[in-house]
């Protein structure tokens, strides 16, 4: 059935709103992706800044070591030994005393080869030791450059040896003349290696710096690890899964310590995700001792940079589409509510028209009969009695209609209270059937009554239940006239907790889609219009209110062989509280 023009308006508005919500959804998707990408890039930049600050802080710590143990050029080697031992003793008074656990001193002997000496914490002098296997390449390079001041220092000053872990400092000799007008150049007498305590570095210094620049290890936005650059094995990790398994990669990689004096360009080459940091890893021309021994690997706690972008996008999209869904649902609820209110208003108008018609019919009959009696037109005793019966009948009909309207008004206002007293369903049914017997006989409707003899008692409001049963019988009489049959049956459940009342007919039946709507106030189905059946559309609504108020239920079922069955279930007095 086509919608009325006044009913199409809200749905057209809803369609326009749905289109606008769709457009907003597309725009929201695009904006959210851009915002998510920008937010993730900001976090990536923040991670890179944190990595640079971390590297700078580590540089400062190592710079303090270099400053503390860098000897002056020129003094004899013996004086330098005393100076270094004195500096080692003074270092033990510092807050970071555990960072240095001893010194190695490589000096050139008179025969040109280099001697290796060692002083540990608590020693008062240096003691000669044999060159360990891992330091022999250093000794060879020193020997190759000995006595050639023009070639410079063979190792970058301040470089960190990987094995043993230490900071390399040059030991300069007295300036040597280089010829007329060439000035003087410093000669290389050896090196000092400030040995770093690996356990202190890994367990105390690096965790402190990581927490200061990347946040708390357990809850910070980033996780960090430091790898040995030679084999990318883990030297330090802020948490066990800092590298996300065995990939040994992150969103930022930075060589530690950075090459001092290389300038910003070197920092840019050394910093970045794995794709950008490949250049910093390819340095074959640099000797092993001159490489940065560690690699800082940091990533976002939520995963890689791409995973962070995706997570931000998903979160923003979910929030945006939830808002759009709420807007759409609100618009739908408003339109459907408006349609429901329009239907209710239309039903109320139809109710007023129906009630007016129902009131006019008995009032017209009563008025006509009264006029005939008062004018003396009717004088025969039999006719007077017939007119009196008509007035009584129409008055009763008028009273029933008014009572029904008042009952509905009381139910809707919530002021209707029901009594709770013992009663018999069979007695209520018989009272209703006795009242309707004459109406059914005049309509040619056969009544079939089947009430179980041992029905358990009920508790409730007898007048209210009587009117509910009367409404069911009256409804069946209106719409089952073509079937000429009504059946009223009552039985009890086997456990005697519920009584089941069925009011059946051989009428046209009720379509499945209308079986719930017939209980709505003011609703009158299409059959009412076809049969021109009188009524206000309140009877079945009152039945449901009364039955539910007594703890029961009512439903519509198709009857086998055609017709309709209204099924009422009520709890018995045995199952209901007193």
Protein backbone atom coordinates (compact mmCIF):
# COMPACT_ATOMS: atom_id res chain seq x y z
CA UNK A 1 0.00 0.00 0.00
CA UNK A 2 1.41 3.37 -1.01
CA UNK A 3 2.36 5.80 1.75
CA UNK A 4 0.28 8.88 2.24
CA UNK A 5 1.89 12.14 1.21
CA UNK A 6 2.12 13.34 4.84
CA UNK A 7 3.76 10.03 5.78
CA UNK A 8 6.40 10.21 3.04
CA UNK A 9 7.88 13.47 4.36
CA UNK A 10 9.72 12.05 7.41
CA UNK A 11 11.09 9.16 5.37
CA UNK A 12 12.38 11.55 2.72
CA UNK A 13 14.08 13.52 5.51
CA UNK A 14 15.57 10.28 6.82
CA UNK A 15 16.85 9.39 3.35
CA UNK A 16 18.53 12.80 3.01
CA UNK A 17 20.05 12.42 6.48
CA UNK A 18 21.31 8.94 5.57
CA UNK A 19 22.95 10.37 2.43
CA UNK A 20 24.58 13.15 4.46
CA UNK A 21 25.80 10.64 7.06
CA UNK A 22 27.33 8.58 4.24
CA UNK A 23 29.13 11.63 2.86
CA UNK A 24 30.36 12.50 6.36
CA UNK A 25 31.53 8.93 6.77
CA UNK A 26 33.67 9.15 3.62
CA UNK A 27 35.11 12.51 4.71
CA UNK A 28 35.65 11.17 8.22
CA UNK A 29 37.57 8.22 6.79
CA UNK A 30 39.86 10.51 4.79
CA UNK A 31 40.37 12.99 7.63
CA UNK A 32 41.00 10.22 10.10
CA UNK A 33 43.68 8.66 7.91
CA UNK A 34 45.43 12.01 7.54
CA UNK A 35 45.18 12.74 11.25
CA UNK A 36 46.38 9.26 12.13
CA UNK A 37 49.35 9.58 9.80
CA UNK A 38 50.22 13.00 11.24
CA UNK A 39 49.93 11.73 14.83
CA UNK A 40 52.11 8.72 14.07
CA UNK A 41 54.71 10.91 12.36
CA UNK A 42 54.79 13.17 15.42
CA UNK A 43 55.44 10.14 17.59
CA UNK A 44 58.14 8.99 15.19
CA UNK A 45 59.79 12.42 15.40
CA UNK A 46 59.51 12.26 19.18
CA UNK A 47 61.19 8.86 19.14
CA UNK A 48 64.03 10.18 16.98
CA UNK A 49 64.53 13.16 19.29
CA UNK A 50 64.59 10.82 22.29
CA UNK A 51 67.22 8.68 20.55
CA UNK A 52 69.42 11.72 19.88
CA UNK A 53 69.08 12.91 23.46
CA UNK A 54 69.98 9.44 24.70
CA UNK A 55 73.08 9.38 22.48
CA UNK A 56 74.08 12.84 23.68
CA UNK A 57 73.69 11.82 27.32
CA UNK A 58 75.84 8.74 26.76
CA UNK A 59 78.40 10.94 25.01
CA UNK A 60 78.52 13.22 28.06
CA UNK A 61 79.10 10.27 30.38
CA UNK A 62 81.94 8.98 28.21
CA UNK A 63 83.23 12.53 27.76
CA UNK A 64 83.64 12.80 31.52
CA UNK A 65 85.80 9.66 31.42
CA UNK A 66 87.90 11.05 28.58
CA UNK A 67 88.37 14.39 30.35
CA UNK A 68 89.34 12.69 33.59
CA UNK A 69 92.05 10.46 32.09
CA UNK A 70 93.39 12.49 29.14
CA UNK A 71 97.06 13.14 30.01
CA UNK A 72 98.93 16.24 29.05
CA UNK A 73 101.47 16.07 26.23
CA UNK A 74 105.15 16.22 26.96
CA UNK A 75 105.77 14.93 30.54
CA UNK A 76 107.90 11.82 30.97
CA UNK A 77 106.13 8.50 30.98
CA UNK A 78 106.86 7.94 34.70
CA UNK A 79 105.13 11.18 35.60
CA UNK A 80 102.17 10.21 33.47
CA UNK A 81 101.86 6.89 35.28
CA UNK A 82 101.68 8.66 38.62
CA UNK A 83 99.19 11.16 37.21
CA UNK A 84 96.92 8.42 35.84
CA UNK A 85 97.01 6.42 39.10
CA UNK A 86 96.13 9.59 40.98
CA UNK A 87 93.23 10.26 38.58
CA UNK A 88 92.02 6.66 38.96
CA UNK A 89 91.96 7.09 42.75
CA UNK A 90 90.09 10.39 42.42
CA UNK A 91 87.55 8.76 40.08
CA UNK A 92 86.43 6.44 42.85
CA UNK A 93 84.96 9.43 44.71
CA UNK A 94 82.54 10.26 41.90
CA UNK A 95 78.87 9.26 41.71
CA UNK A 96 79.54 7.13 38.62
CA UNK A 97 82.68 5.54 39.99
CA UNK A 98 81.55 2.08 38.89
CA UNK A 99 81.79 3.06 35.21
CA UNK A 100 85.64 2.71 35.15
CA UNK A 101 87.26 -0.36 36.69
CA UNK A 102 90.88 0.18 35.59
CA UNK A 103 93.38 1.61 33.09
CA UNK A 104 95.57 0.13 30.36
CA UNK A 105 98.71 2.03 29.28
CA UNK A 106 100.54 1.19 26.03
CA UNK A 107 103.91 3.05 25.76
CA UNK A 108 106.82 2.86 23.34
CA UNK A 109 109.97 1.33 24.75
CA UNK A 110 113.50 2.29 23.74
CA UNK A 111 113.67 -0.55 21.22
CA UNK A 112 110.60 0.80 19.42
CA UNK A 113 108.04 -1.85 20.45
CA UNK A 114 105.10 -1.05 22.74
CA UNK A 115 104.74 -2.26 26.29
CA UNK A 116 101.30 -2.84 27.85
CA UNK A 117 100.72 -2.01 31.53
CA UNK A 118 97.66 -2.24 33.70
CA UNK A 119 96.33 -0.48 36.83
CA UNK A 120 93.14 -1.64 38.52
CA UNK A 121 91.02 0.12 41.11
CA UNK A 122 92.99 0.18 44.36
CA UNK A 123 96.43 -0.25 42.65
CA UNK A 124 99.10 2.31 43.48
CA UNK A 125 101.11 1.74 40.29
CA UNK A 126 100.98 0.25 36.79
CA UNK A 127 102.04 -3.38 36.25
CA UNK A 128 103.30 -4.73 32.95
CA UNK A 129 101.17 -7.47 31.40
CA UNK A 130 101.45 -9.44 28.16
CA UNK A 131 99.46 -8.25 25.19
CA UNK A 132 96.17 -10.21 25.14
CA UNK A 133 95.08 -11.64 21.84
CA UNK A 134 92.20 -9.14 21.40
CA UNK A 135 94.56 -6.12 21.81
CA UNK A 136 97.37 -7.24 19.51
CA UNK A 137 95.88 -5.47 16.45
CA UNK A 138 96.01 -2.25 18.46
CA UNK A 139 99.67 -2.82 19.31
CA UNK A 140 100.51 -3.50 15.66
CA UNK A 141 98.82 -0.29 14.51
CA UNK A 142 100.67 1.69 17.15
CA UNK A 143 103.96 0.18 16.00
CA UNK A 144 103.19 1.04 12.36
CA UNK A 145 102.67 4.71 13.23
CA UNK A 146 105.45 5.09 15.78
CA UNK A 147 107.91 7.84 15.04
CA UNK A 148 105.85 9.27 12.17
CA UNK A 149 104.17 12.37 13.60
CA UNK A 150 102.85 13.42 10.21
CA UNK A 151 100.64 10.39 9.89
CA UNK A 152 98.57 11.33 12.95
CA UNK A 153 96.94 9.16 15.57
CA UNK A 154 96.09 5.70 14.15
CA UNK A 155 92.80 5.46 16.09
CA UNK A 156 90.09 8.08 16.46
CA UNK A 157 90.57 9.73 19.89
CA UNK A 158 87.73 8.75 22.20
CA UNK A 159 86.88 5.59 20.24
CA UNK A 160 85.33 2.77 22.24
CA UNK A 161 87.03 -0.59 22.03
CA UNK A 162 84.64 -3.53 21.93
CA UNK A 163 86.95 -6.13 23.47
CA UNK A 164 87.98 -5.33 26.08
CA UNK A 165 85.39 -2.63 26.58
CA UNK A 166 87.23 0.65 26.98
CA UNK A 167 87.72 4.25 25.90
CA UNK A 168 90.91 4.90 23.84
CA UNK A 169 92.85 8.13 24.55
CA UNK A 170 96.09 9.15 22.80
CA UNK A 171 99.32 9.58 24.68
CA UNK A 172 101.22 12.44 22.99
CA UNK A 173 104.96 13.01 23.30
CA UNK A 174 106.85 16.29 23.27
CA UNK A 175 106.45 18.41 20.10
CA UNK A 176 109.11 17.62 17.45
CA UNK A 177 110.45 20.08 14.87
CA UNK A 178 109.51 19.33 11.25
CA UNK A 179 112.03 21.50 9.41
CA UNK A 180 112.44 25.18 8.58
CA UNK A 181 109.07 26.95 8.58
CA UNK A 182 107.08 23.72 9.14
CA UNK A 183 106.48 24.23 12.87
CA UNK A 184 106.27 21.40 15.36
CA UNK A 185 104.05 18.28 15.41
CA UNK A 186 103.09 16.09 18.36
CA UNK A 187 104.52 12.59 18.31
CA UNK A 188 102.54 9.54 19.46
CA UNK A 189 104.05 7.84 22.50
CA UNK A 190 101.17 5.38 23.09
CA UNK A 191 97.59 5.15 24.25
CA UNK A 192 95.60 5.07 27.47
CA UNK A 193 92.55 2.77 27.59
CA UNK A 194 90.03 3.58 30.33
CA UNK A 195 88.40 0.21 30.88
CA UNK A 196 84.61 0.40 31.24
CA UNK A 197 82.73 -1.89 33.59
CA UNK A 198 80.26 -3.76 31.36
CA UNK A 199 77.96 -4.80 34.21
CA UNK A 200 77.72 -1.23 35.55
CA UNK A 201 77.09 0.10 32.07
CA UNK A 202 74.38 -2.48 31.28
CA UNK A 203 72.64 -2.66 34.66
CA UNK A 204 72.85 0.91 35.95
CA UNK A 205 73.95 3.60 33.52
CA UNK A 206 72.01 2.55 30.42
CA UNK A 207 68.70 1.87 32.30
CA UNK A 208 68.98 5.29 33.96
CA UNK A 209 69.54 7.07 30.65
CA UNK A 210 66.81 5.05 28.91
CA UNK A 211 64.22 5.91 31.56
CA UNK A 212 65.20 9.58 31.48
CA UNK A 213 64.79 9.90 27.70
CA UNK A 214 62.37 7.13 26.62
CA UNK A 215 60.14 6.95 29.69
CA UNK A 216 59.61 4.20 32.31
CA UNK A 217 60.54 0.77 31.08
CA UNK A 218 57.17 -0.80 31.97
CA UNK A 219 54.78 1.96 30.90
CA UNK A 220 56.65 4.35 28.60
CA UNK A 221 55.54 4.91 25.00
CA UNK A 222 58.77 3.42 23.61
CA UNK A 223 60.89 0.34 24.15
CA UNK A 224 64.62 0.38 23.56
CA UNK A 225 67.48 -2.05 23.17
CA UNK A 226 71.22 -1.67 22.60
CA UNK A 227 72.90 -4.25 20.38
CA UNK A 228 76.53 -5.17 19.92
CA UNK A 229 77.18 -3.88 16.46
CA UNK A 230 79.50 -6.70 15.48
CA UNK A 231 76.86 -9.45 15.62
CA UNK A 232 73.64 -7.53 16.63
CA UNK A 233 73.45 -9.51 19.86
CA UNK A 234 71.61 -7.85 22.75
CA UNK A 235 73.76 -5.84 25.14
CA UNK A 236 70.88 -4.11 26.98
CA UNK A 237 67.07 -4.21 26.62
CA UNK A 238 64.47 -2.18 28.51
CA UNK A 239 62.21 -5.24 28.58
CA UNK A 240 62.52 -8.88 27.45
CA UNK A 241 60.54 -8.44 24.21
CA UNK A 242 61.95 -5.01 23.38
CA UNK A 243 62.94 -6.20 19.91
CA UNK A 244 59.63 -7.87 19.13
CA UNK A 245 61.14 -11.36 18.92
CA UNK A 246 64.34 -12.08 17.04
CA UNK A 247 64.10 -9.44 14.29
CA UNK A 248 66.70 -7.20 15.94
CA UNK A 249 65.23 -4.11 14.25
CA UNK A 250 63.16 -1.09 15.23
CA UNK A 251 61.73 2.22 14.05
CA UNK A 252 64.97 4.08 14.85
CA UNK A 253 68.56 2.81 14.76
CA UNK A 254 71.48 4.93 15.93
CA UNK A 255 75.16 4.07 16.32
CA UNK A 256 76.49 4.54 19.87
CA UNK A 257 78.48 6.48 20.65
CA UNK A 258 78.06 8.75 17.63
CA UNK A 259 81.17 9.96 15.83
CA UNK A 260 82.13 13.17 17.58
CA UNK A 261 83.12 15.95 15.27
CA UNK A 262 81.43 14.42 12.22
CA UNK A 263 78.74 17.11 12.12
CA UNK A 264 74.97 17.01 11.60
CA UNK A 265 75.19 15.13 8.33
CA UNK A 266 76.78 12.18 10.07
CA UNK A 267 74.06 12.21 12.72
CA UNK A 268 71.42 12.14 9.98
CA UNK A 269 73.09 9.17 8.33
CA UNK A 270 73.35 7.34 11.62
CA UNK A 271 69.75 7.96 12.71
CA UNK A 272 66.61 6.46 11.26
CA UNK A 273 64.67 3.29 10.64
CA UNK A 274 66.48 0.26 9.21
CA UNK A 275 65.99 1.40 5.59
CA UNK A 276 67.66 4.74 6.31
CA UNK A 277 70.36 3.47 8.63
CA UNK A 278 71.86 1.02 6.15
CA UNK A 279 74.50 3.58 5.13
CA UNK A 280 75.69 3.85 8.71
CA UNK A 281 76.17 0.08 8.84
CA UNK A 282 78.25 -0.06 5.63
CA UNK A 283 81.62 1.36 6.68
CA UNK A 284 84.17 -1.18 5.43
CA UNK A 285 86.91 1.44 5.10
CA UNK A 286 86.89 2.13 8.82
CA UNK A 287 88.98 -0.15 11.07
CA UNK A 288 87.10 -2.24 13.65
CA UNK A 289 88.49 -0.24 16.57
CA UNK A 290 87.14 2.94 14.98
CA UNK A 291 83.54 1.77 14.68
CA UNK A 292 80.85 2.56 17.23
CA UNK A 293 80.53 -0.65 19.22
CA UNK A 294 76.78 -0.42 19.89
CA UNK A 295 73.60 0.17 17.99
CA UNK A 296 70.60 1.81 19.64
CA UNK A 297 67.36 0.18 18.41
CA UNK A 298 64.10 1.81 19.55
CA UNK A 299 60.49 1.24 18.54
CA UNK A 300 56.98 2.21 19.53
CA UNK A 301 55.47 0.09 22.27
CA UNK A 302 52.50 -0.76 20.05
CA UNK A 303 54.74 -2.22 17.34
CA UNK A 304 56.40 -0.79 14.26
CA UNK A 305 55.77 2.67 12.86
CA UNK A 306 53.29 1.22 10.36
CA UNK A 307 51.50 -0.69 13.12
CA UNK A 308 51.26 2.50 15.18
CA UNK A 309 49.78 4.37 12.22
CA UNK A 310 47.25 1.58 11.67
CA UNK A 311 46.32 1.49 15.36
CA UNK A 312 45.76 5.24 15.50
CA UNK A 313 43.67 5.10 12.31
CA UNK A 314 41.55 2.22 13.63
CA UNK A 315 40.95 3.98 16.92
CA UNK A 316 40.00 7.27 15.29
CA UNK A 317 37.85 5.58 12.67
CA UNK A 318 36.03 3.55 15.30
CA UNK A 319 35.30 6.68 17.34
CA UNK A 320 34.19 8.64 14.25
CA UNK A 321 31.96 5.93 12.83
CA UNK A 322 30.46 5.31 16.27
CA UNK A 323 29.43 8.97 16.41
CA UNK A 324 27.99 8.75 12.89
CA UNK A 325 26.15 5.55 13.80
CA UNK A 326 24.67 7.24 16.87
CA UNK A 327 23.58 10.18 14.72
CA UNK A 328 21.99 7.85 12.20
CA UNK A 329 20.28 5.80 14.90
CA UNK A 330 19.00 8.97 16.55
CA UNK A 331 17.57 10.20 13.25
CA UNK A 332 15.92 6.83 12.66
CA UNK A 333 14.43 6.78 16.16
CA UNK A 334 13.12 10.33 15.74
CA UNK A 335 11.49 9.53 12.39
CA UNK A 336 9.97 6.26 13.57
CA UNK A 337 8.76 7.97 16.77
CA UNK A 338 7.21 10.73 14.70
CA UNK A 339 5.52 8.13 12.51
CA UNK A 340 4.29 6.27 15.58
CA UNK A 341 2.92 9.48 17.06
CA UNK A 342 1.17 10.25 13.77
CA UNK A 343 -0.37 6.77 13.74
CA UNK A 344 -1.38 7.14 17.39
CA UNK A 345 -2.94 10.53 16.70
CA UNK A 346 -4.80 9.08 13.72
CA UNK A 347 -5.97 6.13 15.83
CA UNK A 348 -7.13 8.49 18.56
CA UNK A 349 -9.12 10.48 16.01
CA UNK A 350 -10.61 7.24 14.74
CA UNK A 351 -11.30 6.25 18.36
CA UNK A 352 -13.15 9.49 19.02
CA UNK A 353 -15.13 9.00 15.83
CA UNK A 354 -15.88 5.37 16.74
CA UNK A 355 -16.87 6.20 20.31
CA UNK A 356 -19.05 9.04 19.06
CA UNK A 357 -20.74 6.64 16.67
CA UNK A 358 -21.11 4.03 19.39
CA UNK A 359 -22.62 6.62 21.73
CA UNK A 360 -24.95 8.07 19.10
CA UNK A 361 -26.47 4.70 18.24
CA UNK A 362 -27.85 3.84 21.73
CA UNK A 363 -28.62 7.49 22.48
CA UNK A 364 -30.64 7.80 19.27
CA UNK A 365 -32.54 4.62 20.07
CA UNK A 366 -33.23 5.73 23.65
CA UNK A 367 -34.26 9.22 22.52
CA UNK A 368 -36.58 7.84 19.83
CA UNK A 369 -38.21 5.37 22.20
CA UNK A 370 -38.66 8.07 24.85
CA UNK A 371 -40.24 10.44 22.35
CA UNK A 372 -42.71 7.79 21.18
CA UNK A 373 -43.64 6.95 24.75
CA UNK A 374 -44.00 10.58 25.85
CA UNK A 375 -46.06 11.52 22.76
CA UNK A 376 -48.52 8.72 23.44
CA UNK A 377 -47.85 7.07 20.13
CA UNK A 378 -47.26 3.77 21.88
CA UNK A 379 -50.15 2.76 24.11
CA UNK A 380 -50.27 -1.00 23.78
CA UNK A 381 -48.83 -2.74 26.86
CA UNK A 382 -46.79 -5.18 24.79
CA UNK A 383 -45.26 -2.35 22.77
CA UNK A 384 -44.52 -0.40 25.93
CA UNK A 385 -42.66 -3.42 27.31
CA UNK A 386 -40.76 -3.80 24.00
CA UNK A 387 -39.77 -0.15 24.11
CA UNK A 388 -38.72 -0.54 27.74
CA UNK A 389 -36.56 -3.52 26.83
CA UNK A 390 -35.01 -1.50 24.03
CA UNK A 391 -34.24 1.38 26.37
CA UNK A 392 -32.70 -1.03 28.91
CA UNK A 393 -30.68 -2.82 26.24
CA UNK A 394 -29.30 0.37 24.70
CA UNK A 395 -28.65 1.82 28.17
CA UNK A 396 -26.64 -1.28 29.09
CA UNK A 397 -24.71 -0.96 25.85
CA UNK A 398 -24.03 2.68 26.62
CA UNK A 399 -22.96 1.84 30.17
CA UNK A 400 -20.57 -0.89 28.92
CA UNK A 401 -18.99 1.49 26.45
CA UNK A 402 -18.49 4.20 29.07
CA UNK A 403 -17.08 1.65 31.52
CA UNK A 404 -14.62 0.41 28.90
CA UNK A 405 -13.38 3.92 28.18
CA UNK A 406 -13.05 4.64 31.90
CA UNK A 407 -11.17 1.38 32.45
CA UNK A 408 -8.71 2.24 29.69
CA UNK A 409 -8.22 5.74 31.09
CA UNK A 410 -7.52 4.29 34.54
CA UNK A 411 -5.02 1.78 33.14
CA UNK A 412 -3.16 4.38 31.10
CA UNK A 413 -2.95 6.76 34.06
CA UNK A 414 -1.60 3.99 36.31
CA UNK A 415 -4.32 4.63 38.91
CA UNK A 416 -6.28 1.42 38.28
CA UNK A 417 -5.89 -0.98 41.20
CA UNK A 418 -7.05 -4.60 41.05
CA UNK A 419 -8.47 -6.57 43.95
CA UNK A 420 -7.09 -9.96 44.94
CA UNK A 421 -9.80 -12.33 46.12
CA UNK A 422 -10.59 -16.00 45.56
CA UNK A 423 -12.69 -16.64 42.48
CA UNK A 424 -13.74 -19.36 40.06
CA UNK A 425 -12.99 -19.13 36.34
CA UNK A 426 -15.98 -21.35 35.54
CA UNK A 427 -18.31 -18.96 37.37
CA UNK A 428 -16.91 -15.96 35.49
CA UNK A 429 -17.27 -17.71 32.12
CA UNK A 430 -20.83 -18.80 32.87
CA UNK A 431 -21.82 -15.27 33.92
CA UNK A 432 -20.48 -13.84 30.64
CA UNK A 433 -22.10 -16.54 28.49
CA UNK A 434 -25.42 -16.02 30.23
CA UNK A 435 -25.28 -12.30 29.44
CA UNK A 436 -24.42 -12.96 25.78
CA UNK A 437 -26.70 -15.97 25.21
CA UNK A 438 -29.55 -13.91 23.76
CA UNK A 439 -27.19 -11.92 21.51
CA UNK A 440 -25.62 -15.11 20.21
CA UNK A 441 -28.99 -16.75 19.60
CA UNK A 442 -30.28 -13.70 17.70
CA UNK A 443 -27.11 -13.77 15.55
CA UNK A 444 -27.54 -17.49 14.83
CA UNK A 445 -24.19 -18.36 16.44
CA UNK A 446 -23.76 -21.77 18.02
CA UNK A 447 -21.98 -21.72 21.38
CA UNK A 448 -19.86 -24.67 22.46
CA UNK A 449 -18.81 -24.65 26.13
CA UNK A 450 -16.18 -27.08 27.47
CA UNK A 451 -14.97 -26.33 31.00
CA UNK A 452 -12.99 -28.93 32.92
CA UNK A 453 -14.93 -29.89 36.07
CA UNK A 454 -11.88 -29.73 38.37
CA UNK A 455 -10.48 -26.31 37.45
CA UNK A 456 -8.32 -24.91 40.27
CA UNK A 457 -9.33 -21.60 41.81
CA UNK A 458 -7.88 -18.19 40.94
CA UNK A 459 -7.11 -15.02 42.82
CA UNK A 460 -7.87 -11.66 41.28
CA UNK A 461 -10.38 -8.94 40.49
CA UNK A 462 -13.62 -10.62 39.43
CA UNK A 463 -15.23 -7.61 37.63
CA UNK A 464 -12.04 -6.93 35.67
CA UNK A 465 -11.61 -10.54 34.58
CA UNK A 466 -15.32 -10.77 33.75
CA UNK A 467 -15.05 -7.75 31.43
CA UNK A 468 -11.91 -9.23 29.83
CA UNK A 469 -13.72 -12.51 29.08
CA UNK A 470 -16.74 -10.55 27.85
CA UNK A 471 -14.53 -8.59 25.45
CA UNK A 472 -13.16 -11.84 24.01
CA UNK A 473 -16.65 -13.29 23.53
CA UNK A 474 -17.93 -10.01 22.08
CA UNK A 475 -14.99 -9.82 19.70
CA UNK A 476 -15.63 -13.39 18.53
CA UNK A 477 -19.31 -12.61 18.03
CA UNK A 478 -18.49 -9.57 15.86
CA UNK A 479 -16.00 -11.21 13.54
CA UNK A 480 -17.19 -14.83 13.56
CA UNK A 481 -20.74 -14.23 12.41
CA UNK A 482 -19.95 -15.85 9.07
CA UNK A 483 -18.74 -18.99 10.82
CA UNK A 484 -21.79 -19.19 13.08
CA UNK A 485 -19.79 -20.88 15.83
CA UNK A 486 -17.91 -19.91 19.01
CA UNK A 487 -16.09 -22.28 21.33
CA UNK A 488 -15.14 -21.51 24.94
CA UNK A 489 -12.82 -24.05 26.56
CA UNK A 490 -10.92 -24.05 29.86
CA UNK A 491 -8.41 -26.58 31.15
CA UNK A 492 -5.61 -26.72 33.73
CA UNK A 493 -1.96 -27.59 33.25
CA UNK A 494 -0.89 -30.97 34.59
CA UNK A 495 0.95 -29.30 37.47
CA UNK A 496 -2.21 -27.23 38.22
CA UNK A 497 -0.12 -24.02 38.24
CA UNK A 498 -1.93 -22.42 35.29
CA UNK A 499 -5.46 -22.31 33.89
CA UNK A 500 -5.78 -22.01 30.10
CA UNK A 501 -8.87 -20.36 28.60
CA UNK A 502 -9.46 -20.56 24.83
CA UNK A 503 -12.08 -18.51 22.97
CA UNK A 504 -12.30 -19.85 19.40
CA UNK A 505 -14.31 -19.05 16.29
CA UNK A 506 -14.77 -20.06 12.66
CA UNK A 507 -14.27 -16.51 11.38
CA UNK A 508 -11.91 -15.24 8.65
CA UNK A 509 -8.89 -15.42 10.96
CA UNK A 510 -6.17 -12.86 11.70
CA UNK A 511 -3.07 -12.57 9.47
CA UNK A 512 0.25 -13.33 11.12
CA UNK A 513 1.50 -9.72 10.83
CA UNK A 514 -1.55 -8.42 12.74
CA UNK A 515 -1.60 -10.90 15.64
CA UNK A 516 0.39 -8.57 17.90
CA UNK A 517 -1.09 -5.32 16.65
CA UNK A 518 -4.66 -6.32 17.54
CA UNK A 519 -3.73 -5.74 21.21
CA UNK A 520 -2.61 -2.14 20.56
CA UNK A 521 -4.94 0.63 21.79
CA UNK A 522 -7.28 2.03 19.12
CA UNK A 523 -6.11 -0.48 16.51
CA UNK A 524 -8.81 -1.93 14.30
CA UNK A 525 -7.68 -4.30 11.60
CA UNK A 526 -8.75 -4.32 7.97
CA UNK A 527 -11.50 -6.87 8.81
CA UNK A 528 -13.26 -4.23 10.92
CA UNK A 529 -13.69 -1.98 7.91
CA UNK A 530 -14.77 -4.82 5.62
CA UNK A 531 -17.37 -6.12 8.08
CA UNK A 532 -18.45 -2.64 9.25
CA UNK A 533 -18.10 -4.01 12.79
CA UNK A 534 -18.76 -1.49 15.56
CA UNK A 535 -16.14 -0.88 18.23
CA UNK A 536 -13.55 1.52 19.58
CA UNK A 537 -10.40 -0.63 19.27
CA UNK A 538 -9.96 -0.81 23.06
CA UNK A 539 -11.41 -4.22 23.90
CA UNK A 540 -8.40 -6.45 23.22
CA UNK A 541 -6.02 -3.85 24.64
CA UNK A 542 -7.98 -3.95 27.91
CA UNK A 543 -7.86 -7.75 27.83
CA UNK A 544 -4.07 -7.75 27.68
CA UNK A 545 -3.77 -5.13 30.46
CA UNK A 546 -6.09 -7.08 32.78
CA UNK A 547 -4.48 -10.47 32.09
CA UNK A 548 -0.96 -9.17 32.56
CA UNK A 549 -1.99 -7.39 35.77
CA UNK A 550 -3.02 -10.83 37.08
CA UNK A 551 0.36 -12.37 36.15
CA UNK A 552 -0.90 -14.09 33.01
CA UNK A 553 -0.54 -13.80 29.25
CA UNK A 554 -2.77 -13.66 26.18
CA UNK A 555 -1.94 -14.51 22.57
CA UNK A 556 -3.56 -15.19 19.20
CA UNK A 557 -3.27 -18.53 17.45
CA UNK A 558 -4.65 -19.77 14.14
CA UNK A 559 -7.29 -22.44 14.67
CA UNK A 560 -6.99 -25.71 12.81
CA UNK A 561 -9.72 -25.81 10.21
CA UNK A 562 -9.94 -22.02 9.96
CA UNK A 563 -10.68 -19.23 12.34
CA UNK A 564 -8.93 -17.73 15.35
CA UNK A 565 -8.22 -18.78 18.93
CA UNK A 566 -7.48 -16.28 21.73
CA UNK A 567 -5.52 -18.12 24.43
CA UNK A 568 -5.45 -16.72 27.97
CA UNK A 569 -3.17 -18.25 30.63
CA UNK A 570 -3.67 -17.27 34.28
CA UNK A 571 -1.78 -18.50 37.36
CA UNK A 572 -3.91 -20.42 39.82
CA UNK A 573 -4.36 -19.61 43.49
CA UNK A 574 -2.01 -22.49 44.28
CA UNK A 575 0.78 -20.80 42.27
CA UNK A 576 -0.06 -17.14 43.09
CA UNK A 577 0.97 -15.45 46.37
CA UNK A 578 -1.90 -14.68 48.69
